[in-house]
C-alpha atoms as a PDB file:
ATOM      1  CA  MET A   1     -49.909 154.099-197.007  1.00  0.00           C
ATOM      2  CA  LYS A   2     -48.827 152.181-200.198  1.00  0.00           C
ATOM      3  CA  ASN A   3     -49.209 153.816-203.496  1.00  0.00           C
ATOM      4  CA  GLU A   4     -50.789 151.853-206.290  1.00  0.00           C
ATOM      5  CA  ASN A   5     -47.544 150.662-207.801  1.00  0.00           C
ATOM      6  CA  GLU A   6     -46.585 149.104-204.390  1.00  0.00           C
ATOM      7  CA  GLN A   7     -50.122 147.695-203.996  1.00  0.00           C
ATOM      8  CA  ALA A   8     -49.757 146.029-207.458  1.00  0.00           C
ATOM      9  CA  ILE A   9     -46.510 144.352-206.413  1.00  0.00           C
ATOM     10  CA  SER A  10     -48.003 143.056-203.231  1.00  0.00           C
ATOM     11  CA  VAL A  11     -51.034 141.564-205.159  1.00  0.00           C
ATOM     12  CA  PHE A  12     -49.234 140.196-208.212  1.00  0.00           C
ATOM     13  CA  GLY A  13     -45.608 139.946-207.195  1.00  0.00           C
ATOM     14  CA  THR A  14     -42.861 141.344-209.426  1.00  0.00           C
ATOM     15  CA  GLU A  15     -43.070 138.470-211.977  1.00  0.00           C
ATOM     16  CA  GLY A  16     -46.767 138.297-211.957  1.00  0.00           C
ATOM     17  CA  LEU A  17     -46.989 141.940-212.982  1.00  0.00           C
ATOM     18  CA  GLN A  18     -45.730 140.765-216.422  1.00  0.00           C
ATOM     19  CA  THR A  19     -48.005 137.827-216.998  1.00  0.00           C
ATOM     20  CA  ALA A  20     -51.395 138.511-218.528  1.00  0.00           C
ATOM     21  CA  ALA A  21     -52.938 135.206-217.484  1.00  0.00           C
ATOM     22  CA  LEU A  22     -51.772 135.630-213.852  1.00  0.00           C
ATOM     23  CA  VAL A  23     -53.088 139.252-213.688  1.00  0.00           C
ATOM     24  CA  ARG A  24     -56.387 138.115-215.079  1.00  0.00           C
ATOM     25  CA  SER A  25     -56.710 135.309-212.489  1.00  0.00           C
ATOM     26  CA  ARG A  26     -55.991 137.777-209.641  1.00  0.00           C
ATOM     27  CA  ILE A  27     -58.615 140.192-211.053  1.00  0.00           C
ATOM     28  CA  ARG A  28     -61.110 137.273-211.448  1.00  0.00           C
ATOM     29  CA  LYS A  29     -60.699 136.513-207.724  1.00  0.00           C
ATOM     30  CA  GLY A  30     -61.413 140.132-206.823  1.00  0.00           C
ATOM     31  CA  LEU A  31     -57.841 140.838-205.597  1.00  0.00           C
ATOM     32  CA  TRP A  32     -57.367 143.900-207.866  1.00  0.00           C
ATOM     33  CA  THR A  33     -60.152 146.422-208.563  1.00  0.00           C
ATOM     34  CA  SER A  34     -58.098 149.446-209.716  1.00  0.00           C
ATOM     35  CA  HIS A  35     -56.690 150.675-213.005  1.00  0.00           C
ATOM     36  CA  THR A  36     -54.522 148.454-215.106  1.00  0.00           C
ATOM     37  CA  SER A  37     -51.868 150.962-216.314  1.00  0.00           C
ATOM     38  CA  GLY A  38     -48.389 149.293-215.977  1.00  0.00           C
ATOM     39  CA  LEU A  39     -49.814 145.777-215.486  1.00  0.00           C
ATOM     40  CA  ALA A  40     -48.454 143.064-217.798  1.00  0.00           C
ATOM     41  CA  ASP A  41     -47.107 145.968-219.836  1.00  0.00           C
ATOM     42  CA  GLU A  42     -45.965 143.835-222.728  1.00  0.00           C
ATOM     43  CA  HIS A  43     -49.446 142.822-223.311  1.00  0.00           C
ATOM     44  CA  VAL A  44     -52.325 144.481-225.268  1.00  0.00           C
ATOM     45  CA  GLN A  45     -55.114 146.034-223.114  1.00  0.00           C
ATOM     46  CA  GLY A  46     -58.624 146.664-224.337  1.00  0.00           C
ATOM     47  CA  ASN A  47     -61.656 148.896-223.516  1.00  0.00           C
ATOM     48  CA  LEU A  48     -64.951 147.106-223.307  1.00  0.00           C
ATOM     49  CA  VAL A  49     -68.471 147.773-224.501  1.00  0.00           C
ATOM     50  CA  ILE A  50     -71.227 145.178-224.152  1.00  0.00           C
ATOM     51  CA  LEU A  51     -74.568 145.807-225.827  1.00  0.00           C
ATOM     52  CA  PRO A  52     -77.653 143.689-226.717  1.00  0.00           C
ATOM     53  CA  LYS A  53     -77.571 142.204-230.242  1.00  0.00           C
ATOM     54  CA  ALA A  54     -80.234 144.560-231.393  1.00  0.00           C
ATOM     55  CA  GLN A  55     -77.830 147.559-230.949  1.00  0.00           C
ATOM     56  CA  ALA A  56     -74.625 145.738-231.928  1.00  0.00           C
ATOM     57  CA  ASP A  57     -74.657 146.497-235.683  1.00  0.00           C
ATOM     58  CA  ASP A  58     -75.168 150.182-235.186  1.00  0.00           C
ATOM     59  CA  PHE A  59     -72.370 150.274-232.647  1.00  0.00           C
ATOM     60  CA  LEU A  60     -69.988 148.331-234.917  1.00  0.00           C
ATOM     61  CA  LEU A  61     -70.719 150.825-237.652  1.00  0.00           C
ATOM     62  CA  TYR A  62     -69.961 153.678-235.213  1.00  0.00           C
ATOM     63  CA  CYS A  63     -66.598 152.075-234.476  1.00  0.00           C
ATOM     64  CA  GLN A  64     -65.839 151.667-238.227  1.00  0.00           C
ATOM     65  CA  ARG A  65     -66.707 155.317-238.852  1.00  0.00           C
ATOM     66  CA  ASN A  66     -64.489 156.426-235.938  1.00  0.00           C
ATOM     67  CA  PRO A  67     -61.356 154.141-236.084  1.00  0.00           C
ATOM     68  CA  LYS A  68     -59.126 156.550-234.268  1.00  0.00           C
ATOM     69  CA  PRO A  69     -60.857 156.291-230.872  1.00  0.00           C
ATOM     70  CA  CYS A  70     -62.709 152.995-231.535  1.00  0.00           C
ATOM     71  CA  PRO A  71     -60.289 150.455-233.106  1.00  0.00           C
ATOM     72  CA  VAL A  72     -62.048 147.141-232.691  1.00  0.00           C
ATOM     73  CA  LEU A  73     -59.838 144.267-231.582  1.00  0.00           C
ATOM     74  CA  ALA A  74     -62.475 141.601-231.145  1.00  0.00           C
ATOM     75  CA  VAL A  75     -66.219 140.973-231.227  1.00  0.00           C
ATOM     76  CA  SER A  76     -67.900 138.162-229.505  1.00  0.00           C
ATOM     77  CA  ASN A  77     -70.800 135.967-230.606  1.00  0.00           C
ATOM     78  CA  PRO A  78     -74.022 136.827-228.866  1.00  0.00           C
ATOM     79  CA  GLY A  79     -74.123 135.395-225.407  1.00  0.00           C
ATOM     80  CA  ASP A  80     -70.540 134.098-225.491  1.00  0.00           C
ATOM     81  CA  ARG A  81     -68.401 135.125-222.505  1.00  0.00           C
ATOM     82  CA  ALA A  82     -65.231 133.907-224.174  1.00  0.00           C
ATOM     83  CA  LEU A  83     -62.914 135.811-226.491  1.00  0.00           C
ATOM     84  CA  PRO A  84     -60.516 133.102-227.736  1.00  0.00           C
ATOM     85  CA  ALA A  85     -58.705 135.383-230.161  1.00  0.00           C
ATOM     86  CA  LEU A  86     -57.555 137.466-227.158  1.00  0.00           C
ATOM     87  CA  GLY A  87     -56.902 134.788-224.608  1.00  0.00           C
ATOM     88  CA  ALA A  88     -57.746 131.134-224.104  1.00  0.00           C
ATOM     89  CA  ASP A  89     -59.242 131.512-220.600  1.00  0.00           C
ATOM     90  CA  ILE A  90     -60.927 134.903-220.846  1.00  0.00           C
ATOM     91  CA  ASP A  91     -64.307 135.323-219.156  1.00  0.00           C
ATOM     92  CA  ILE A  92     -65.535 138.753-220.124  1.00  0.00           C
ATOM     93  CA  THR A  93     -67.844 138.836-217.022  1.00  0.00           C
ATOM     94  CA  THR A  94     -65.089 138.460-214.427  1.00  0.00           C
ATOM     95  CA  ASP A  95     -61.736 139.454-215.975  1.00  0.00           C
ATOM     96  CA  LEU A  96     -61.861 143.274-215.717  1.00  0.00           C
ATOM     97  CA  PRO A  97     -61.124 144.937-212.383  1.00  0.00           C
ATOM     98  CA  ARG A  98     -64.261 147.133-212.629  1.00  0.00           C
ATOM     99  CA  TYR A  99     -67.209 147.553-214.914  1.00  0.00           C
ATOM    100  CA  ARG A 100     -69.869 150.196-215.464  1.00  0.00           C
ATOM    101  CA  VAL A 101     -73.601 149.323-215.829  1.00  0.00           C
ATOM    102  CA  TRP A 102     -75.697 151.718-217.815  1.00  0.00           C
ATOM    103  CA  ARG A 103     -79.539 151.892-218.081  1.00  0.00           C
ATOM    104  CA  ASP A 104     -81.122 154.362-220.500  1.00  0.00           C
ATOM    105  CA  GLY A 105     -77.849 156.102-220.729  1.00  0.00           C
ATOM    106  CA  GLU A 106     -77.417 156.618-217.026  1.00  0.00           C
ATOM    107  CA  LEU A 107     -74.554 155.064-215.023  1.00  0.00           C
ATOM    108  CA  VAL A 108     -76.220 152.987-212.289  1.00  0.00           C
ATOM    109  CA  ASP A 109     -73.471 150.727-210.906  1.00  0.00           C
ATOM    110  CA  GLU A 110     -69.682 150.033-210.979  1.00  0.00           C
ATOM    111  CA  PRO A 111     -69.453 146.334-210.070  1.00  0.00           C
ATOM    112  CA  THR A 112     -66.333 144.154-210.086  1.00  0.00           C
ATOM    113  CA  ASP A 113     -68.182 141.156-211.650  1.00  0.00           C
ATOM    114  CA  ILE A 114     -71.142 141.097-214.085  1.00  0.00           C
ATOM    115  CA  ALA A 115     -71.820 137.438-214.134  1.00  0.00           C
ATOM    116  CA  SER A 116     -75.212 137.924-212.578  1.00  0.00           C
ATOM    117  CA  LEU A 117     -76.096 140.415-215.344  1.00  0.00           C
ATOM    118  CA  TRP A 118     -75.165 138.197-218.251  1.00  0.00           C
ATOM    119  CA  ARG A 119     -77.744 137.538-220.975  1.00  0.00           C
ATOM    120  CA  ASP A 120     -77.858 135.241-224.138  1.00  0.00           C
ATOM    121  CA  ASP A 121     -78.256 138.329-226.378  1.00  0.00           C
ATOM    122  CA  LEU A 122     -75.226 140.292-225.252  1.00  0.00           C
ATOM    123  CA  VAL A 123     -72.326 141.075-227.618  1.00  0.00           C
ATOM    124  CA  SER A 124     -68.858 142.185-226.380  1.00  0.00           C
ATOM    125  CA  PHE A 125     -66.700 144.599-228.199  1.00  0.00           C
ATOM    126  CA  VAL A 126     -63.025 145.004-227.195  1.00  0.00           C
ATOM    127  CA  ILE A 127     -61.531 148.196-228.389  1.00  0.00           C
ATOM    128  CA  GLY A 128     -57.834 149.068-228.493  1.00  0.00           C
ATOM    129  CA  CYS A 129     -56.288 151.009-225.540  1.00  0.00           C
ATOM    130  CA  SER A 130     -53.451 153.380-225.456  1.00  0.00           C
ATOM    131  CA  PHE A 131     -51.974 151.615-222.443  1.00  0.00           C
ATOM    132  CA  SER A 132     -50.712 149.174-225.186  1.00  0.00           C
ATOM    133  CA  PHE A 133     -48.279 151.662-226.642  1.00  0.00           C
ATOM    134  CA  GLU A 134     -46.924 152.870-223.352  1.00  0.00           C
ATOM    135  CA  GLN A 135     -44.304 150.167-223.219  1.00  0.00           C
ATOM    136  CA  ALA A 136     -42.972 151.424-226.524  1.00  0.00           C
ATOM    137  CA  LEU A 137     -42.891 154.981-225.318  1.00  0.00           C
ATOM    138  CA  MET A 138     -40.925 153.964-222.204  1.00  0.00           C
ATOM    139  CA  GLU A 139     -38.577 151.761-224.212  1.00  0.00           C
ATOM    140  CA  ALA A 140     -37.882 154.927-226.331  1.00  0.00           C
ATOM    141  CA  GLY A 141     -36.840 156.801-223.275  1.00  0.00           C
ATOM    142  CA  LEU A 142     -40.121 158.829-222.925  1.00  0.00           C
ATOM    143  CA  PRO A 143     -41.213 158.876-219.318  1.00  0.00           C
ATOM    144  CA  LEU A 144     -44.899 158.741-218.479  1.00  0.00           C
ATOM    145  CA  ARG A 145     -46.050 160.888-215.584  1.00  0.00           C
ATOM    146  CA  HIS A 146     -49.051 158.811-214.532  1.00  0.00           C
ATOM    147  CA  VAL A 147     -46.911 155.708-214.422  1.00  0.00           C
ATOM    148  CA  GLU A 148     -44.316 157.474-212.285  1.00  0.00           C
ATOM    149  CA  GLN A 149     -47.029 158.796-209.974  1.00  0.00           C
ATOM    150  CA  GLY A 150     -48.825 155.388-209.720  1.00  0.00           C
ATOM    151  CA  ARG A 151     -52.054 157.046-211.139  1.00  0.00           C
ATOM    152  CA  ASN A 152     -54.626 156.327-213.887  1.00  0.00           C
ATOM    153  CA  VAL A 153     -54.116 158.312-217.111  1.00  0.00           C
ATOM    154  CA  ALA A 154     -56.007 161.578-217.320  1.00  0.00           C
ATOM    155  CA  MET A 155     -58.954 161.520-219.782  1.00  0.00           C
ATOM    156  CA  PHE A 156     -61.016 164.465-221.019  1.00  0.00           C
ATOM    157  CA  ARG A 157     -64.098 165.067-223.197  1.00  0.00           C
ATOM    158  CA  THR A 158     -63.371 167.383-226.093  1.00  0.00           C
ATOM    159  CA  ASN A 159     -65.405 169.641-228.428  1.00  0.00           C
ATOM    160  CA  ILE A 160     -64.364 167.355-231.329  1.00  0.00           C
ATOM    161  CA  PRO A 161     -67.460 165.458-232.628  1.00  0.00           C
ATOM    162  CA  THR A 162     -67.421 161.875-233.742  1.00  0.00           C
ATOM    163  CA  GLU A 163     -69.240 160.566-236.860  1.00  0.00           C
ATOM    164  CA  ALA A 164     -72.673 159.276-235.908  1.00  0.00           C
ATOM    165  CA  ALA A 165     -74.073 155.855-236.747  1.00  0.00           C
ATOM    166  CA  GLY A 166     -77.581 155.011-235.868  1.00  0.00           C
ATOM    167  CA  PRO A 167     -78.243 156.415-232.292  1.00  0.00           C
ATOM    168  CA  PHE A 168     -74.541 156.563-231.476  1.00  0.00           C
ATOM    169  CA  SER A 169     -72.748 159.891-231.521  1.00  0.00           C
ATOM    170  CA  GLY A 170     -70.947 162.232-229.244  1.00  0.00           C
ATOM    171  CA  PRO A 171     -67.672 164.025-228.444  1.00  0.00           C
ATOM    172  CA  LEU A 172     -64.199 162.526-228.815  1.00  0.00           C
ATOM    173  CA  VAL A 173     -62.570 161.587-225.537  1.00  0.00           C
ATOM    174  CA  VAL A 174     -58.788 161.793-225.240  1.00  0.00           C
ATOM    175  CA  THR A 175     -55.976 160.785-222.944  1.00  0.00           C
ATOM    176  CA  MET A 176     -53.361 163.320-221.985  1.00  0.00           C
ATOM    177  CA  ARG A 177     -49.690 162.670-221.268  1.00  0.00           C
ATOM    178  CA  PRO A 178     -47.359 165.604-220.554  1.00  0.00           C
ATOM    179  CA  MET A 179     -44.059 165.633-222.462  1.00  0.00           C
ATOM    180  CA  ARG A 180     -41.181 167.952-223.062  1.00  0.00           C
ATOM    181  CA  ALA A 181     -41.252 169.659-226.438  1.00  0.00           C
ATOM    182  CA  SER A 182     -38.109 167.856-227.431  1.00  0.00           C
ATOM    183  CA  ALA A 183     -39.790 164.450-226.901  1.00  0.00           C
ATOM    184  CA  VAL A 184     -43.103 165.192-228.732  1.00  0.00           C
ATOM    185  CA  ILE A 185     -41.851 164.196-232.274  1.00  0.00           C
ATOM    186  CA  ARG A 186     -40.371 160.918-230.903  1.00  0.00           C
ATOM    187  CA  ALA A 187     -43.701 160.191-229.217  1.00  0.00           C
ATOM    188  CA  VAL A 188     -45.534 160.869-232.496  1.00  0.00           C
ATOM    189  CA  GLN A 189     -43.174 158.472-234.249  1.00  0.00           C
ATOM    190  CA  VAL A 190     -43.503 155.733-231.696  1.00  0.00           C
ATOM    191  CA  THR A 191     -47.226 155.726-231.366  1.00  0.00           C
ATOM    192  CA  SER A 192     -47.858 156.093-235.126  1.00  0.00           C
ATOM    193  CA  ARG A 193     -46.751 152.445-235.305  1.00  0.00           C
ATOM    194  CA  PHE A 194     -49.830 151.366-233.338  1.00  0.00           C
ATOM    195  CA  PRO A 195     -52.997 152.393-235.243  1.00  0.00           C
ATOM    196  CA  ASN A 196     -54.924 149.553-233.648  1.00  0.00           C
ATOM    197  CA  VAL A 197     -54.441 151.207-230.181  1.00  0.00           C
ATOM    198  CA  HIS A 198     -55.186 154.839-231.245  1.00  0.00           C
ATOM    199  CA  GLY A 199     -51.910 155.639-233.105  1.00  0.00           C
ATOM    200  CA  ALA A 200     -50.509 159.103-233.211  1.00  0.00           C
ATOM    201  CA  PRO A 201     -51.800 162.028-231.121  1.00  0.00           C
ATOM    202  CA  VAL A 202     -54.861 164.024-232.241  1.00  0.00           C
ATOM    203  CA  HIS A 203     -53.701 167.305-230.634  1.00  0.00           C
ATOM    204  CA  ILE A 204     -50.607 168.829-229.100  1.00  0.00           C
ATOM    205  CA  GLY A 205     -50.440 171.908-226.924  1.00  0.00           C
ATOM    206  CA  ASP A 206     -53.190 174.388-225.969  1.00  0.00           C
ATOM    207  CA  PRO A 207     -56.028 172.254-224.473  1.00  0.00           C
ATOM    208  CA  SER A 208     -58.615 175.055-224.851  1.00  0.00           C
ATOM    209  CA  LEU A 209     -58.508 174.567-228.632  1.00  0.00           C
ATOM    210  CA  ILE A 210     -60.229 171.241-228.187  1.00  0.00           C
ATOM    211  CA  GLY A 211     -62.573 172.311-225.445  1.00  0.00           C
ATOM    212  CA  ILE A 212     -60.634 171.375-222.353  1.00  0.00           C
ATOM    213  CA  ALA A 213     -60.805 174.093-219.716  1.00  0.00           C
ATOM    214  CA  ASP A 214     -58.544 172.693-216.897  1.00  0.00           C
ATOM    215  CA  LEU A 215     -56.037 169.933-217.137  1.00  0.00           C
ATOM    216  CA  ALA A 216     -56.218 169.567-213.277  1.00  0.00           C
ATOM    217  CA  ARG A 217     -59.871 168.453-213.666  1.00  0.00           C
ATOM    218  CA  PRO A 218     -60.018 165.413-215.962  1.00  0.00           C
ATOM    219  CA  ASP A 219     -63.500 163.991-216.808  1.00  0.00           C
ATOM    220  CA  TYR A 220     -62.104 160.488-216.144  1.00  0.00           C
ATOM    221  CA  GLY A 221     -59.025 159.071-214.535  1.00  0.00           C
ATOM    222  CA  ASP A 222     -56.549 161.010-212.344  1.00  0.00           C
ATOM    223  CA  ALA A 223     -54.932 164.416-212.771  1.00  0.00           C
ATOM    224  CA  VAL A 224     -51.216 164.423-213.270  1.00  0.00           C
ATOM    225  CA  ASP A 225     -48.604 167.122-212.795  1.00  0.00           C
ATOM    226  CA  VAL A 226     -47.732 169.182-215.949  1.00  0.00           C
ATOM    227  CA  MET A 227     -44.408 170.919-215.572  1.00  0.00           C
ATOM    228  CA  PRO A 228     -43.782 174.482-217.038  1.00  0.00           C
ATOM    229  CA  ASP A 229     -41.392 173.106-219.698  1.00  0.00           C
ATOM    230  CA  GLU A 230     -43.906 170.406-220.838  1.00  0.00           C
ATOM    231  CA  LEU A 231     -46.649 170.275-223.484  1.00  0.00           C
ATOM    232  CA  PRO A 232     -49.858 168.321-223.018  1.00  0.00           C
ATOM    233  CA  VAL A 233     -50.172 165.598-225.711  1.00  0.00           C
ATOM    234  CA  PHE A 234     -53.501 164.169-226.533  1.00  0.00           C
ATOM    235  CA  TRP A 235     -54.543 160.823-227.919  1.00  0.00           C
ATOM    236  CA  ALA A 236     -57.891 159.497-228.925  1.00  0.00           C
ATOM    237  CA  CYS A 237     -59.304 157.259-226.269  1.00  0.00           C
ATOM    238  CA  GLY A 238     -61.498 154.231-225.991  1.00  0.00           C
ATOM    239  CA  VAL A 239     -63.681 155.824-223.440  1.00  0.00           C
ATOM    240  CA  THR A 240     -65.310 157.676-226.352  1.00  0.00           C
ATOM    241  CA  PRO A 241     -67.948 155.032-226.739  1.00  0.00           C
ATOM    242  CA  GLN A 242     -69.099 155.792-223.215  1.00  0.00           C
ATOM    243  CA  ALA A 243     -69.915 159.318-224.225  1.00  0.00           C
ATOM    244  CA  ALA A 244     -71.780 157.958-227.228  1.00  0.00           C
ATOM    245  CA  ILE A 245     -73.690 155.627-224.959  1.00  0.00           C
ATOM    246  CA  GLN A 246     -74.836 158.525-222.810  1.00  0.00           C
ATOM    247  CA  GLN A 247     -76.168 160.049-226.013  1.00  0.00           C
ATOM    248  CA  ALA A 248     -77.795 156.942-227.477  1.00  0.00           C
ATOM    249  CA  ARG A 249     -79.316 155.967-224.170  1.00  0.00           C
ATOM    250  CA  PRO A 250     -79.666 152.267-224.812  1.00  0.00           C
ATOM    251  CA  ALA A 251     -81.874 150.458-222.366  1.00  0.00           C
ATOM    252  CA  PHE A 252     -79.019 148.392-221.065  1.00  0.00           C
ATOM    253  CA  CYS A 253     -75.226 148.511-221.654  1.00  0.00           C
ATOM    254  CA  ILE A 254     -72.031 147.471-219.800  1.00  0.00           C
ATOM    255  CA  THR A 255     -68.649 149.005-220.212  1.00  0.00           C
ATOM    256  CA  HIS A 256     -65.301 148.878-218.472  1.00  0.00           C
ATOM    257  CA  ALA A 257     -64.624 151.482-215.789  1.00  0.00           C
ATOM    258  CA  PRO A 258     -62.194 154.050-217.298  1.00  0.00           C
ATOM    259  CA  GLY A 259     -58.678 152.812-216.888  1.00  0.00           C
ATOM    260  CA  ALA A 260     -59.842 149.259-215.744  1.00  0.00           C
ATOM    261  CA  MET A 261     -59.034 147.258-218.879  1.00  0.00           C
ATOM    262  CA  LEU A 262     -59.195 143.732-220.173  1.00  0.00           C
ATOM    263  CA  ILE A 263     -55.540 142.502-220.309  1.00  0.00           C
ATOM    264  CA  THR A 264     -55.120 140.086-223.229  1.00  0.00           C
ATOM    265  CA  ASP A 265     -52.618 137.424-224.223  1.00  0.00           C
ATOM    266  CA  LEU A 266     -51.643 139.444-227.383  1.00  0.00           C
ATOM    267  CA  LEU A 267     -48.333 141.188-227.273  1.00  0.00           C
ATOM    268  CA  ASN A 268     -48.032 144.857-227.969  1.00  0.00           C
ATOM    269  CA  HIS A 269     -45.420 144.297-230.721  1.00  0.00           C
ATOM    270  CA  GLN A 270     -47.914 142.091-232.631  1.00  0.00           C
ATOM    271  CA  LEU A 271     -50.048 145.279-233.256  1.00  0.00           C
ATOM    272  CA  ALA A 272     -47.179 147.386-234.552  1.00  0.00           C
ATOM    273  CA  SER A 273     -47.768 148.194-238.216  1.00  0.00           C
ATOM    274  CA  PHE A 274     -44.092 148.812-239.049  1.00  0.00           C
END
């Protein structure tokens, strides 16, 4: 049985794995419905939140008050499926591998296409994703366990509150990547260059200090092995808005499925601040 790295090569081809437009076209055709870690790894990836215009201003304020987990890359006009700032051919209703549909704060479906649900009042928010600094980490010689194992990154809800805006509030969600102690400072240096995709870690070491009981049981994504000589390193995560949506309970909302991102035409190095 193929692991997900092998499956990706069979769907996209070796060259296609590096091309954002080609990856999106395969996703649009329903040929890939899994996580996007490692796909088109030179390109910026984004989390997605779609809300009716009536809730959009409050949600934008929530993002502005919580820039670490919710760095906004783009906001659409109401009813517009396109995001030309992120890619000329993007259709937000078809170009992610998997979506989540929420009604009154409850998850009701995980479709691979939301065209039939589209409305003229819907506003799309694309939020920076830590997959976008993974290329820089690997180029710095820092291996990533979930990439090696062909898995989604592990994500956890914490006991760290975010700052509320209107009805939106909730806990910070983080991603976890295990690293040797000798690599942690370098990881901080590398990721600090990318504040638009979560930047430096928010916590290093003992997970219980931020309310995480068991690293083997992530709230989202896949568990990865943590070796005895490694420390868990935690970054703010763009799944944080989904926790806020569960608290706010809007009548209707669409998000990406955790790990199943929008792959944009932007290049990661374009987001580096220095």
